[in-house]
């Protein structure tokens, strides 16, 4: 099923442009995961986007299933966007690869609304150790594959402070996203403070 990855990379290049850097990480007992870096601009300045490549080579399996289906099941890659030049965000490569390998390593299905925690700052000095998985389709469209394969979904990751992650566990992902929206939180600011949660 590794022939999925060239299609995934082509979709990323079509949407985000040519990557200006890439790194590969391999964990014991897992397939290689690459992280591609793309430079971009929005109305507020330079952005850098990091996208995984390799997570979608295998479908994510239901952790309660006795045998993993090698064909059917959700497929995804992860994308995180941050403002350029405000922090050493290139160090997010390894945490991002760890998250991308988690379906193979821990047998989890990564889906919108989930929290993923790497247990350490996403980059040096980052106030975030976890991310909220957001809804796909906004930045990179789903990649349809031939039947019976599920489409590859490109899941945006939104960094969360420990306080936000704890609040989300109680109130849910939707409530946290509404709180961010209400407060005009710049989720791409790599050094932002926690949103007011009282």
N, C-alpha and C. Protein backbone atom coordinates (compact mmCIF):
# COMPACT_ATOMS: atom_id res chain seq x y z
N UNK A 1 0.81 -1.21 0.00
CA UNK A 1 0.00 0.00 0.00
C UNK A 1 0.85 1.27 0.00
N UNK A 2 2.19 1.10 -0.11
CA UNK A 2 3.05 2.29 -0.08
C UNK A 2 2.84 3.16 -1.32
N UNK A 3 2.13 2.62 -2.35
CA UNK A 3 1.86 3.43 -3.54
C UNK A 3 0.88 4.56 -3.25
N UNK A 4 0.30 4.57 -2.06
CA UNK A 4 -0.56 5.68 -1.64
C UNK A 4 0.28 6.95 -1.44
N UNK A 5 1.50 6.78 -0.92
CA UNK A 5 2.30 7.94 -0.51
C UNK A 5 2.67 8.90 -1.64
N UNK A 6 3.03 8.42 -2.85
CA UNK A 6 3.28 9.39 -3.93
C UNK A 6 2.05 10.25 -4.24
N UNK A 7 0.86 9.66 -4.14
CA UNK A 7 -0.37 10.44 -4.37
C UNK A 7 -0.57 11.47 -3.27
N UNK A 8 -0.25 11.07 -2.04
CA UNK A 8 -0.37 11.99 -0.91
C UNK A 8 0.60 13.15 -1.07
N UNK A 9 1.84 12.83 -1.42
CA UNK A 9 2.84 13.90 -1.59
C UNK A 9 2.43 14.84 -2.73
N UNK A 10 1.89 14.27 -3.80
CA UNK A 10 1.44 15.11 -4.93
C UNK A 10 0.33 16.06 -4.49
N UNK A 11 -0.60 15.57 -3.64
CA UNK A 11 -1.68 16.44 -3.16
C UNK A 11 -1.11 17.56 -2.30
N UNK A 12 -0.14 17.24 -1.43
CA UNK A 12 0.48 18.27 -0.58
C UNK A 12 1.19 19.32 -1.43
N UNK A 13 1.93 18.87 -2.45
CA UNK A 13 2.66 19.81 -3.30
C UNK A 13 1.70 20.69 -4.10
N UNK A 14 0.61 20.10 -4.60
CA UNK A 14 -0.37 20.86 -5.37
C UNK A 14 -1.00 21.95 -4.51
N UNK A 15 -1.25 21.63 -3.24
CA UNK A 15 -1.94 22.57 -2.36
C UNK A 15 -0.99 23.56 -1.70
N UNK A 16 0.16 23.08 -1.22
CA UNK A 16 1.04 23.91 -0.39
C UNK A 16 2.30 24.39 -1.12
N UNK A 17 2.56 23.88 -2.33
CA UNK A 17 3.76 24.26 -3.06
C UNK A 17 4.89 23.27 -2.82
N UNK A 18 6.07 23.63 -3.24
CA UNK A 18 7.22 22.75 -3.07
C UNK A 18 7.74 22.81 -1.64
N UNK A 19 8.00 21.66 -1.02
CA UNK A 19 8.59 21.70 0.33
C UNK A 19 10.02 22.22 0.25
N UNK A 20 10.42 23.00 1.25
CA UNK A 20 11.79 23.52 1.24
C UNK A 20 12.70 22.71 2.17
N UNK A 21 12.12 21.74 2.86
CA UNK A 21 12.92 20.84 3.70
C UNK A 21 12.09 19.61 4.01
N UNK A 22 12.79 18.50 4.29
CA UNK A 22 12.10 17.27 4.69
C UNK A 22 13.03 16.47 5.58
N UNK A 23 12.45 15.74 6.50
CA UNK A 23 13.23 14.90 7.41
C UNK A 23 12.47 13.60 7.60
N UNK A 24 13.21 12.53 7.82
CA UNK A 24 12.59 11.22 8.02
C UNK A 24 12.90 10.72 9.43
N UNK A 25 11.90 10.10 10.04
CA UNK A 25 12.06 9.52 11.37
C UNK A 25 11.53 8.09 11.31
N UNK A 26 12.27 7.15 11.86
CA UNK A 26 11.81 5.77 11.92
C UNK A 26 11.86 5.31 13.37
N UNK A 27 10.76 4.74 13.83
CA UNK A 27 10.70 4.19 15.17
C UNK A 27 10.71 2.68 15.06
N UNK A 28 11.26 2.02 16.05
CA UNK A 28 11.37 0.56 16.04
C UNK A 28 10.01 -0.07 15.79
N UNK A 29 9.93 -0.93 14.79
CA UNK A 29 8.70 -1.65 14.52
C UNK A 29 7.65 -0.88 13.75
N UNK A 30 8.02 0.30 13.21
CA UNK A 30 7.05 1.09 12.45
C UNK A 30 7.62 1.46 11.09
N UNK A 31 6.74 1.87 10.19
CA UNK A 31 7.17 2.39 8.90
C UNK A 31 7.78 3.77 9.09
N UNK A 32 8.59 4.16 8.14
CA UNK A 32 9.23 5.48 8.18
C UNK A 32 8.18 6.57 8.01
N UNK A 33 8.33 7.64 8.78
CA UNK A 33 7.47 8.81 8.65
C UNK A 33 8.35 9.99 8.24
N UNK A 34 7.96 10.68 7.18
CA UNK A 34 8.66 11.89 6.80
C UNK A 34 7.85 13.09 7.23
N UNK A 35 8.52 14.20 7.48
CA UNK A 35 7.85 15.47 7.75
C UNK A 35 8.37 16.46 6.73
N UNK A 36 7.45 17.07 5.99
CA UNK A 36 7.80 18.05 4.97
C UNK A 36 7.49 19.45 5.49
N UNK A 37 8.36 20.40 5.16
CA UNK A 37 8.16 21.79 5.59
C UNK A 37 7.84 22.64 4.36
N UNK A 38 6.81 23.46 4.50
CA UNK A 38 6.39 24.36 3.42
C UNK A 38 6.35 25.79 3.95
N UNK A 39 6.84 26.72 3.16
CA UNK A 39 6.73 28.15 3.51
C UNK A 39 5.51 28.71 2.82
N UNK A 40 4.82 29.61 3.49
CA UNK A 40 3.58 30.17 2.94
C UNK A 40 3.43 31.59 3.48
N UNK A 41 2.49 32.32 2.90
CA UNK A 41 2.17 33.67 3.38
C UNK A 41 0.66 33.75 3.57
N UNK A 42 0.26 34.49 4.59
CA UNK A 42 -1.15 34.87 4.68
C UNK A 42 -1.17 36.39 4.89
N UNK A 43 -2.35 36.94 5.17
CA UNK A 43 -2.44 38.40 5.27
C UNK A 43 -1.62 38.96 6.42
N UNK A 44 -1.25 38.11 7.39
CA UNK A 44 -0.50 38.58 8.55
C UNK A 44 1.00 38.28 8.48
N UNK A 45 1.47 37.72 7.37
CA UNK A 45 2.91 37.47 7.25
C UNK A 45 3.25 36.03 6.93
N UNK A 46 4.52 35.67 7.24
CA UNK A 46 5.05 34.36 6.87
C UNK A 46 4.50 33.25 7.75
N UNK A 47 4.15 32.15 7.12
CA UNK A 47 3.74 30.94 7.83
C UNK A 47 4.68 29.82 7.45
N UNK A 48 4.85 28.88 8.35
CA UNK A 48 5.53 27.65 8.00
C UNK A 48 4.58 26.51 8.36
N UNK A 49 4.44 25.59 7.42
CA UNK A 49 3.54 24.45 7.61
C UNK A 49 4.37 23.18 7.60
N UNK A 50 4.05 22.29 8.52
CA UNK A 50 4.72 20.98 8.58
C UNK A 50 3.67 19.91 8.33
N UNK A 51 3.94 19.01 7.40
CA UNK A 51 2.98 17.95 7.06
C UNK A 51 3.68 16.60 7.12
N UNK A 52 3.00 15.62 7.71
CA UNK A 52 3.57 14.28 7.76
C UNK A 52 3.32 13.57 6.43
N UNK A 53 4.18 12.62 6.13
CA UNK A 53 4.05 11.78 4.94
C UNK A 53 4.48 10.37 5.35
N UNK A 54 3.53 9.47 5.41
CA UNK A 54 3.84 8.09 5.81
C UNK A 54 2.76 7.49 6.69
N UNK A 55 2.07 8.33 7.44
CA UNK A 55 1.02 7.85 8.33
C UNK A 55 -0.10 7.15 7.55
N UNK A 56 -0.37 7.63 6.32
CA UNK A 56 -1.49 7.11 5.54
C UNK A 56 -1.14 5.85 4.75
N UNK A 57 0.10 5.38 4.84
CA UNK A 57 0.48 4.17 4.09
C UNK A 57 -0.33 2.96 4.55
N UNK A 58 -0.69 2.95 5.83
CA UNK A 58 -1.51 1.87 6.39
C UNK A 58 -2.79 2.48 6.95
N UNK A 59 -3.92 1.77 6.85
CA UNK A 59 -5.13 2.28 7.49
C UNK A 59 -5.01 2.19 9.01
N UNK A 60 -5.65 3.11 9.70
CA UNK A 60 -5.67 3.04 11.16
C UNK A 60 -6.66 1.95 11.56
N UNK A 61 -6.26 1.11 12.51
CA UNK A 61 -7.07 -0.04 12.90
C UNK A 61 -7.78 0.21 14.22
N UNK A 62 -8.97 -0.32 14.33
CA UNK A 62 -9.72 -0.28 15.58
C UNK A 62 -8.92 -1.03 16.64
N UNK A 63 -8.56 -0.35 17.75
CA UNK A 63 -7.73 -1.01 18.76
C UNK A 63 -8.40 -2.24 19.39
N UNK A 64 -9.73 -2.37 19.25
CA UNK A 64 -10.42 -3.54 19.82
C UNK A 64 -10.48 -4.71 18.85
N UNK A 65 -10.08 -4.48 17.59
CA UNK A 65 -10.14 -5.56 16.60
C UNK A 65 -9.05 -6.58 16.87
N UNK A 66 -9.38 -7.85 16.66
CA UNK A 66 -8.40 -8.92 16.86
C UNK A 66 -7.31 -8.86 15.80
N UNK A 67 -7.74 -8.65 14.55
CA UNK A 67 -6.79 -8.53 13.44
C UNK A 67 -7.01 -7.21 12.73
N UNK A 68 -5.93 -6.53 12.41
CA UNK A 68 -6.04 -5.25 11.68
C UNK A 68 -6.30 -5.54 10.21
N UNK A 69 -7.27 -4.84 9.64
CA UNK A 69 -7.56 -4.97 8.21
C UNK A 69 -6.48 -4.22 7.44
N UNK A 70 -5.77 -4.89 6.52
CA UNK A 70 -4.68 -4.22 5.80
C UNK A 70 -5.15 -3.23 4.74
N UNK A 71 -6.46 -3.23 4.44
CA UNK A 71 -6.98 -2.38 3.36
C UNK A 71 -7.96 -1.35 3.89
N UNK A 72 -8.98 -1.79 4.60
CA UNK A 72 -10.05 -0.88 5.04
C UNK A 72 -9.66 -0.18 6.34
N UNK A 73 -10.19 1.01 6.49
CA UNK A 73 -9.93 1.79 7.69
C UNK A 73 -9.53 3.20 7.34
N UNK A 74 -9.70 4.14 8.29
CA UNK A 74 -9.37 5.54 8.01
C UNK A 74 -7.87 5.75 7.79
N UNK A 75 -7.57 6.67 6.91
CA UNK A 75 -6.17 7.04 6.62
C UNK A 75 -6.04 8.55 6.82
N UNK A 76 -4.90 8.97 7.33
CA UNK A 76 -4.73 10.40 7.58
C UNK A 76 -3.25 10.78 7.55
N UNK A 77 -3.03 12.07 7.34
CA UNK A 77 -1.74 12.72 7.56
C UNK A 77 -2.02 13.94 8.42
N UNK A 78 -0.99 14.44 9.10
CA UNK A 78 -1.13 15.54 10.04
C UNK A 78 -0.47 16.80 9.49
N UNK A 79 -1.09 17.95 9.74
CA UNK A 79 -0.56 19.23 9.28
C UNK A 79 -0.62 20.23 10.43
N UNK A 80 0.48 20.92 10.68
CA UNK A 80 0.50 21.97 11.70
C UNK A 80 1.05 23.25 11.06
N UNK A 81 0.41 24.38 11.33
CA UNK A 81 0.80 25.67 10.75
C UNK A 81 1.15 26.64 11.87
N UNK A 82 2.31 27.29 11.75
CA UNK A 82 2.73 28.28 12.76
C UNK A 82 3.36 29.49 12.07
N UNK A 83 3.38 30.60 12.79
CA UNK A 83 4.02 31.80 12.26
C UNK A 83 5.53 31.60 12.24
N UNK A 84 6.14 32.01 11.15
CA UNK A 84 7.58 31.82 10.97
C UNK A 84 8.38 32.84 11.78
N UNK A 85 9.56 32.42 12.23
CA UNK A 85 10.53 33.33 12.83
C UNK A 85 10.30 33.70 14.28
N UNK A 86 9.27 33.15 14.94
CA UNK A 86 8.99 33.52 16.32
C UNK A 86 9.49 32.49 17.32
N UNK A 87 9.83 31.30 16.84
CA UNK A 87 10.32 30.22 17.72
C UNK A 87 11.04 29.20 16.85
N UNK A 88 11.78 28.31 17.49
CA UNK A 88 12.52 27.27 16.76
C UNK A 88 11.57 26.10 16.45
N UNK A 89 10.56 26.40 15.60
CA UNK A 89 9.51 25.42 15.36
C UNK A 89 9.96 24.23 14.53
N UNK A 90 11.14 24.31 13.88
CA UNK A 90 11.62 23.14 13.13
C UNK A 90 11.83 21.93 14.04
N UNK A 91 11.97 22.17 15.34
CA UNK A 91 12.14 21.05 16.28
C UNK A 91 10.83 20.29 16.49
N UNK A 92 9.73 20.74 15.85
CA UNK A 92 8.46 20.02 15.94
C UNK A 92 8.49 18.73 15.11
N UNK A 93 9.54 18.56 14.31
CA UNK A 93 9.60 17.41 13.40
C UNK A 93 9.45 16.09 14.15
N UNK A 94 10.24 15.91 15.21
CA UNK A 94 10.19 14.63 15.93
C UNK A 94 8.85 14.43 16.65
N UNK A 95 8.35 15.42 17.43
CA UNK A 95 7.03 15.22 18.04
C UNK A 95 5.94 14.93 17.01
N UNK A 96 6.01 15.60 15.86
CA UNK A 96 5.00 15.37 14.82
C UNK A 96 5.10 13.94 14.27
N UNK A 97 6.32 13.47 14.07
CA UNK A 97 6.51 12.09 13.61
C UNK A 97 6.02 11.08 14.66
N UNK A 98 6.24 11.39 15.94
CA UNK A 98 5.74 10.51 17.02
C UNK A 98 4.22 10.41 16.95
N UNK A 99 3.56 11.55 16.77
CA UNK A 99 2.10 11.55 16.67
C UNK A 99 1.63 10.77 15.44
N UNK A 100 2.35 10.93 14.32
CA UNK A 100 1.98 10.22 13.09
C UNK A 100 2.17 8.71 13.23
N UNK A 101 3.13 8.29 14.06
CA UNK A 101 3.38 6.86 14.26
C UNK A 101 2.46 6.25 15.30
N UNK A 102 1.72 7.08 16.05
CA UNK A 102 0.92 6.56 17.16
C UNK A 102 -0.13 5.53 16.75
N UNK A 103 -0.75 5.62 15.56
CA UNK A 103 -1.68 4.55 15.19
C UNK A 103 -1.01 3.18 15.09
N UNK A 104 0.24 3.15 14.56
CA UNK A 104 0.96 1.88 14.47
C UNK A 104 1.49 1.42 15.83
N UNK A 105 2.00 2.37 16.61
CA UNK A 105 2.64 2.03 17.88
C UNK A 105 1.62 1.70 18.95
N UNK A 106 0.58 2.54 19.06
CA UNK A 106 -0.37 2.40 20.17
C UNK A 106 -1.73 1.87 19.74
N UNK A 107 -1.93 1.68 18.43
CA UNK A 107 -3.20 1.17 17.97
C UNK A 107 -4.35 2.13 18.16
N UNK A 108 -4.08 3.43 18.04
CA UNK A 108 -5.14 4.42 18.20
C UNK A 108 -5.61 4.91 16.82
N UNK A 109 -6.84 5.39 16.78
CA UNK A 109 -7.36 6.03 15.58
C UNK A 109 -7.39 7.53 15.84
N UNK A 110 -6.63 8.27 15.04
CA UNK A 110 -6.57 9.72 15.19
C UNK A 110 -7.73 10.32 14.40
N UNK A 111 -8.59 11.07 15.09
CA UNK A 111 -9.79 11.61 14.46
C UNK A 111 -10.05 13.02 14.99
N UNK A 112 -10.82 13.82 14.24
CA UNK A 112 -11.14 15.17 14.71
C UNK A 112 -11.76 15.16 16.10
N UNK A 113 -11.35 16.13 16.93
CA UNK A 113 -11.83 16.23 18.30
C UNK A 113 -10.93 15.56 19.31
N UNK A 114 -9.99 14.74 18.83
CA UNK A 114 -9.09 14.03 19.75
C UNK A 114 -7.99 14.96 20.24
N UNK A 115 -7.47 14.65 21.43
CA UNK A 115 -6.28 15.32 21.95
C UNK A 115 -5.11 14.35 21.81
N UNK A 116 -3.98 14.86 21.37
CA UNK A 116 -2.76 14.06 21.29
C UNK A 116 -1.69 14.76 22.11
N UNK A 117 -1.02 14.03 22.99
CA UNK A 117 -0.02 14.62 23.88
C UNK A 117 1.31 13.93 23.67
N UNK A 118 2.37 14.73 23.48
CA UNK A 118 3.70 14.13 23.31
C UNK A 118 4.50 14.14 24.61
N UNK A 119 3.96 14.79 25.67
CA UNK A 119 4.62 14.76 26.97
C UNK A 119 5.84 15.65 27.10
N UNK A 120 6.09 16.46 26.10
CA UNK A 120 7.21 17.42 26.13
C UNK A 120 6.83 18.58 25.23
N UNK A 121 7.51 19.73 25.37
CA UNK A 121 7.17 20.86 24.50
C UNK A 121 7.29 20.49 23.03
N UNK A 122 6.37 21.01 22.22
CA UNK A 122 6.39 20.69 20.78
C UNK A 122 7.66 21.21 20.11
N UNK A 123 8.23 22.28 20.64
CA UNK A 123 9.53 22.82 20.20
C UNK A 123 10.12 23.51 21.41
N UNK A 124 11.42 23.85 21.39
CA UNK A 124 12.06 24.44 22.57
C UNK A 124 11.32 25.69 23.07
N UNK A 125 10.96 25.69 24.34
CA UNK A 125 10.29 26.83 24.94
C UNK A 125 8.80 26.92 24.62
N UNK A 126 8.27 25.95 23.88
CA UNK A 126 6.84 26.01 23.52
C UNK A 126 5.97 25.84 24.74
N UNK A 127 4.87 26.62 24.84
CA UNK A 127 3.94 26.45 25.96
C UNK A 127 2.95 25.31 25.70
N UNK A 128 3.22 24.48 24.69
CA UNK A 128 2.30 23.41 24.31
C UNK A 128 3.00 22.05 24.37
N UNK A 129 2.31 21.06 24.92
CA UNK A 129 2.79 19.67 24.85
C UNK A 129 1.77 18.79 24.14
N UNK A 130 0.62 19.37 23.81
CA UNK A 130 -0.43 18.57 23.16
C UNK A 130 -1.09 19.39 22.06
N UNK A 131 -1.87 18.68 21.24
CA UNK A 131 -2.58 19.32 20.13
C UNK A 131 -4.02 18.82 20.11
N UNK A 132 -4.88 19.65 19.56
CA UNK A 132 -6.26 19.27 19.28
C UNK A 132 -6.34 18.94 17.79
N UNK A 133 -6.90 17.80 17.46
CA UNK A 133 -7.07 17.41 16.06
C UNK A 133 -8.33 18.10 15.54
N UNK A 134 -8.16 18.94 14.52
CA UNK A 134 -9.28 19.71 13.97
C UNK A 134 -9.89 18.98 12.76
N UNK A 135 -10.98 19.54 12.27
CA UNK A 135 -11.67 18.96 11.12
C UNK A 135 -10.83 19.12 9.85
N UNK A 136 -10.80 18.09 9.00
CA UNK A 136 -10.02 18.18 7.75
C UNK A 136 -10.79 18.93 6.67
N UNK A 137 -10.11 19.15 5.55
CA UNK A 137 -10.78 19.70 4.37
C UNK A 137 -10.62 21.18 4.15
N UNK A 138 -10.23 21.92 5.19
CA UNK A 138 -10.11 23.37 5.04
C UNK A 138 -8.87 23.79 4.28
N UNK A 139 -7.73 23.22 4.64
CA UNK A 139 -6.45 23.60 4.03
C UNK A 139 -6.11 22.67 2.87
N UNK A 140 -6.11 21.37 3.14
CA UNK A 140 -5.79 20.36 2.11
C UNK A 140 -7.01 19.45 1.97
N UNK A 141 -7.55 19.37 0.76
CA UNK A 141 -8.73 18.53 0.53
C UNK A 141 -8.40 17.06 0.71
N UNK A 142 -9.42 16.29 1.14
CA UNK A 142 -9.26 14.84 1.25
C UNK A 142 -8.81 14.28 -0.10
N UNK A 143 -7.99 13.23 -0.04
CA UNK A 143 -7.51 12.56 -1.25
C UNK A 143 -8.29 11.26 -1.42
N UNK A 144 -9.14 11.22 -2.43
CA UNK A 144 -9.93 10.00 -2.70
C UNK A 144 -9.00 8.94 -3.29
N UNK A 145 -9.14 7.70 -2.80
CA UNK A 145 -8.36 6.57 -3.31
C UNK A 145 -9.32 5.58 -3.96
N UNK A 146 -8.77 4.66 -4.75
CA UNK A 146 -9.61 3.65 -5.40
C UNK A 146 -10.28 2.77 -4.35
N UNK A 147 -11.50 2.35 -4.64
CA UNK A 147 -12.20 1.40 -3.77
C UNK A 147 -11.34 0.15 -3.61
N UNK A 148 -11.34 -0.49 -2.46
CA UNK A 148 -12.15 -0.21 -1.27
C UNK A 148 -11.42 0.67 -0.25
N UNK A 149 -10.37 1.39 -0.69
CA UNK A 149 -9.59 2.18 0.26
C UNK A 149 -10.34 3.44 0.69
N UNK A 150 -10.23 3.76 1.98
CA UNK A 150 -10.80 5.01 2.50
C UNK A 150 -9.96 6.18 1.97
N UNK A 151 -10.55 7.38 1.87
CA UNK A 151 -9.76 8.55 1.47
C UNK A 151 -8.73 8.92 2.53
N UNK A 152 -7.69 9.60 2.10
CA UNK A 152 -6.71 10.15 3.04
C UNK A 152 -7.21 11.52 3.46
N UNK A 153 -7.31 11.73 4.78
CA UNK A 153 -7.75 13.02 5.32
C UNK A 153 -6.52 13.73 5.89
N UNK A 154 -6.41 15.02 5.63
CA UNK A 154 -5.29 15.83 6.12
C UNK A 154 -5.80 16.58 7.34
N UNK A 155 -5.38 16.12 8.53
CA UNK A 155 -5.92 16.63 9.78
C UNK A 155 -5.07 17.77 10.34
N UNK A 156 -5.64 18.98 10.46
CA UNK A 156 -4.91 20.09 11.07
C UNK A 156 -4.74 19.85 12.57
N UNK A 157 -3.59 20.20 13.09
CA UNK A 157 -3.32 20.09 14.52
C UNK A 157 -3.25 21.50 15.11
N UNK A 158 -3.97 21.73 16.21
CA UNK A 158 -3.99 23.03 16.87
C UNK A 158 -3.31 22.88 18.23
N UNK A 159 -2.15 23.52 18.42
CA UNK A 159 -1.44 23.38 19.70
C UNK A 159 -2.29 23.86 20.88
N UNK A 160 -2.24 23.10 21.98
CA UNK A 160 -2.99 23.44 23.20
C UNK A 160 -2.02 23.58 24.37
N UNK A 161 -2.26 24.58 25.22
CA UNK A 161 -1.53 24.67 26.48
C UNK A 161 -2.07 23.58 27.42
N UNK A 162 -1.32 23.22 28.48
CA UNK A 162 -1.83 22.23 29.43
C UNK A 162 -3.18 22.62 30.04
N UNK A 163 -3.38 23.92 30.33
CA UNK A 163 -4.66 24.38 30.87
C UNK A 163 -5.80 24.18 29.86
N UNK A 164 -5.51 24.48 28.60
CA UNK A 164 -6.53 24.30 27.56
C UNK A 164 -6.86 22.82 27.39
N UNK A 165 -5.83 21.97 27.43
CA UNK A 165 -6.06 20.52 27.28
C UNK A 165 -6.92 19.99 28.42
N UNK A 166 -6.65 20.45 29.64
CA UNK A 166 -7.44 20.02 30.80
C UNK A 166 -8.88 20.52 30.68
N UNK A 167 -9.05 21.76 30.24
CA UNK A 167 -10.39 22.35 30.08
C UNK A 167 -11.16 21.60 29.00
N UNK A 168 -10.45 21.24 27.92
CA UNK A 168 -11.09 20.51 26.81
C UNK A 168 -11.57 19.14 27.27
N UNK A 169 -10.82 18.47 28.16
CA UNK A 169 -11.24 17.16 28.66
C UNK A 169 -12.58 17.25 29.38
N UNK A 170 -12.83 18.36 30.04
CA UNK A 170 -14.08 18.54 30.78
C UNK A 170 -15.21 19.04 29.87
N UNK A 171 -14.90 20.02 29.02
CA UNK A 171 -15.96 20.73 28.28
C UNK A 171 -16.08 20.29 26.82
N UNK A 172 -15.07 19.60 26.29
CA UNK A 172 -15.14 19.13 24.90
C UNK A 172 -14.41 20.02 23.92
N UNK A 173 -14.10 19.43 22.76
CA UNK A 173 -13.33 20.12 21.73
C UNK A 173 -14.10 21.32 21.16
N UNK A 174 -15.40 21.16 20.94
CA UNK A 174 -16.20 22.23 20.35
C UNK A 174 -16.19 23.47 21.25
N UNK A 175 -16.34 23.25 22.55
CA UNK A 175 -16.37 24.38 23.49
C UNK A 175 -15.02 25.11 23.50
N UNK A 176 -13.92 24.36 23.42
CA UNK A 176 -12.60 24.99 23.40
C UNK A 176 -12.42 25.81 22.12
N UNK A 177 -12.84 25.25 20.99
CA UNK A 177 -12.71 25.98 19.73
C UNK A 177 -13.57 27.25 19.74
N UNK A 178 -14.75 27.18 20.35
CA UNK A 178 -15.58 28.37 20.47
C UNK A 178 -14.92 29.42 21.36
N UNK A 179 -14.26 28.97 22.42
CA UNK A 179 -13.55 29.88 23.32
C UNK A 179 -12.42 30.58 22.56
N UNK A 180 -11.66 29.82 21.77
CA UNK A 180 -10.60 30.41 20.95
C UNK A 180 -11.17 31.46 19.99
N UNK A 181 -12.28 31.10 19.34
CA UNK A 181 -12.90 31.99 18.36
C UNK A 181 -13.39 33.28 19.02
N UNK A 182 -14.08 33.14 20.14
CA UNK A 182 -14.62 34.29 20.86
C UNK A 182 -13.52 35.26 21.27
N UNK A 183 -12.36 34.72 21.65
CA UNK A 183 -11.25 35.56 22.12
C UNK A 183 -10.30 35.99 21.01
N UNK A 184 -10.61 35.62 19.76
CA UNK A 184 -9.74 35.99 18.65
C UNK A 184 -8.34 35.42 18.77
N UNK A 185 -8.23 34.21 19.30
CA UNK A 185 -6.92 33.58 19.53
C UNK A 185 -6.22 33.28 18.22
N UNK A 186 -4.96 33.69 18.11
CA UNK A 186 -4.14 33.36 16.93
C UNK A 186 -3.51 32.00 17.19
N UNK A 187 -4.14 30.95 16.68
CA UNK A 187 -3.67 29.59 16.94
C UNK A 187 -2.36 29.27 16.22
N UNK A 188 -1.92 30.18 15.36
CA UNK A 188 -0.65 29.96 14.66
C UNK A 188 0.52 30.64 15.37
N UNK A 189 0.24 31.36 16.44
CA UNK A 189 1.29 32.03 17.20
C UNK A 189 2.01 30.98 18.05
N UNK A 190 3.29 30.69 17.75
CA UNK A 190 3.99 29.62 18.47
C UNK A 190 4.31 29.96 19.92
N UNK A 191 4.07 31.20 20.34
CA UNK A 191 4.37 31.59 21.72
C UNK A 191 3.14 32.15 22.42
N UNK A 192 1.96 31.87 21.90
CA UNK A 192 0.74 32.47 22.48
C UNK A 192 0.49 31.95 23.90
N UNK A 193 -0.26 32.74 24.64
CA UNK A 193 -0.67 32.33 25.99
C UNK A 193 -1.97 31.55 25.91
N UNK A 194 -2.31 30.90 27.01
CA UNK A 194 -3.57 30.17 27.10
C UNK A 194 -4.74 31.14 26.98
N UNK A 195 -5.80 30.70 26.33
CA UNK A 195 -7.01 31.50 26.22
C UNK A 195 -7.64 31.60 27.63
N UNK A 196 -8.31 32.72 27.98
CA UNK A 196 -8.99 32.79 29.29
C UNK A 196 -10.05 31.67 29.41
N UNK A 197 -10.00 30.94 30.51
CA UNK A 197 -10.86 29.76 30.66
C UNK A 197 -11.80 29.83 31.85
N UNK A 198 -11.87 30.99 32.52
CA UNK A 198 -12.74 31.08 33.70
C UNK A 198 -14.19 31.33 33.28
